[in-house]
């Protein structure tokens, strides 16, 4: 994993922690937008997974493979 990707993931994780925290200082940090995220960690992971699958399927040989096995296995496979 690249450094930038690791930092973005940790930033999203910290933002999620601030949202769920009950401490007044952490809520103040959230209000002051110390860490600004437009997407929570779970949504980001889901979106990245969908992008990976879409990109994989768009490759010619991979798409051919997907078509060949689509009757044998479910979408998740």
Protein backbone atom coordinates (compact mmCIF):
# COMPACT_ATOMS: atom_id res chain seq x y z
CA UNK A 1 0.00 0.00 0.00
CA UNK A 2 1.32 3.43 -0.88
CA UNK A 3 1.97 6.09 1.72
CA UNK A 4 -0.70 8.43 0.34
CA UNK A 5 -3.33 5.69 0.36
CA UNK A 6 -2.38 4.77 3.93
CA UNK A 7 -2.66 8.40 5.06
CA UNK A 8 -6.07 8.82 3.37
CA UNK A 9 -7.34 5.62 5.00
CA UNK A 10 -6.13 6.71 8.44
CA UNK A 11 -7.64 10.16 7.94
CA UNK A 12 -11.02 8.62 7.08
CA UNK A 13 -10.74 6.31 10.06
CA UNK A 14 -9.94 9.20 12.40
CA UNK A 15 -12.83 11.22 11.00
CA UNK A 16 -15.17 8.30 11.68
CA UNK A 17 -13.82 8.10 15.23
CA UNK A 18 -14.53 11.81 15.75
CA UNK A 19 -18.09 11.41 14.47
CA UNK A 20 -18.82 8.56 16.87
CA UNK A 21 -17.03 10.04 19.88
CA UNK A 22 -18.90 11.53 22.82
CA UNK A 23 -16.06 13.52 24.38
CA UNK A 24 -16.47 17.27 24.25
CA UNK A 25 -12.93 17.87 23.00
CA UNK A 26 -13.33 15.40 20.15
CA UNK A 27 -16.70 16.90 19.25
CA UNK A 28 -15.08 20.35 19.26
CA UNK A 29 -12.38 19.04 16.88
CA UNK A 30 -15.10 17.69 14.60
CA UNK A 31 -16.98 21.01 14.74
CA UNK A 32 -13.82 22.94 13.92
CA UNK A 33 -13.30 20.59 10.96
CA UNK A 34 -9.80 19.59 12.04
CA UNK A 35 -10.17 16.61 9.71
CA UNK A 36 -12.42 17.11 6.71
CA UNK A 37 -13.76 14.04 4.96
CA UNK A 38 -16.58 13.83 2.46
CA UNK A 39 -16.87 10.08 2.70
CA UNK A 40 -16.67 7.75 5.67
CA UNK A 41 -14.31 4.79 5.76
CA UNK A 42 -16.94 2.14 5.03
CA UNK A 43 -18.34 4.03 2.04
CA UNK A 44 -14.82 4.58 0.75
CA UNK A 45 -13.98 0.88 1.03
CA UNK A 46 -17.21 -0.08 -0.74
CA UNK A 47 -16.60 2.45 -3.54
CA UNK A 48 -12.98 1.32 -3.99
CA UNK A 49 -14.07 -2.32 -4.19
CA UNK A 50 -16.70 -1.49 -6.80
CA UNK A 51 -14.12 0.47 -8.82
CA UNK A 52 -11.68 -2.43 -8.66
CA UNK A 53 -14.30 -4.91 -9.87
CA UNK A 54 -15.43 -2.55 -12.65
CA UNK A 55 -11.84 -1.92 -13.79
CA UNK A 56 -11.09 -5.65 -13.71
CA UNK A 57 -14.17 -6.48 -15.77
CA UNK A 58 -13.28 -3.84 -18.37
CA UNK A 59 -10.05 -5.63 -19.26
CA UNK A 60 -10.59 -7.71 -22.39
CA UNK A 61 -9.31 -11.08 -21.17
CA UNK A 62 -10.88 -10.68 -17.74
CA UNK A 63 -14.25 -9.81 -19.28
CA UNK A 64 -14.06 -12.92 -21.45
CA UNK A 65 -13.35 -15.00 -18.35
CA UNK A 66 -16.27 -13.41 -16.49
CA UNK A 67 -18.62 -14.19 -19.36
CA UNK A 68 -17.45 -17.81 -19.47
CA UNK A 69 -18.03 -18.45 -15.78
CA UNK A 70 -21.10 -16.24 -15.24
CA UNK A 71 -23.43 -19.22 -15.54
CA UNK A 72 -21.38 -21.28 -13.10
CA UNK A 73 -20.86 -18.84 -10.23
CA UNK A 74 -22.58 -15.92 -8.58
CA UNK A 75 -21.70 -12.25 -9.06
CA UNK A 76 -19.71 -12.08 -5.81
CA UNK A 77 -17.31 -14.76 -7.06
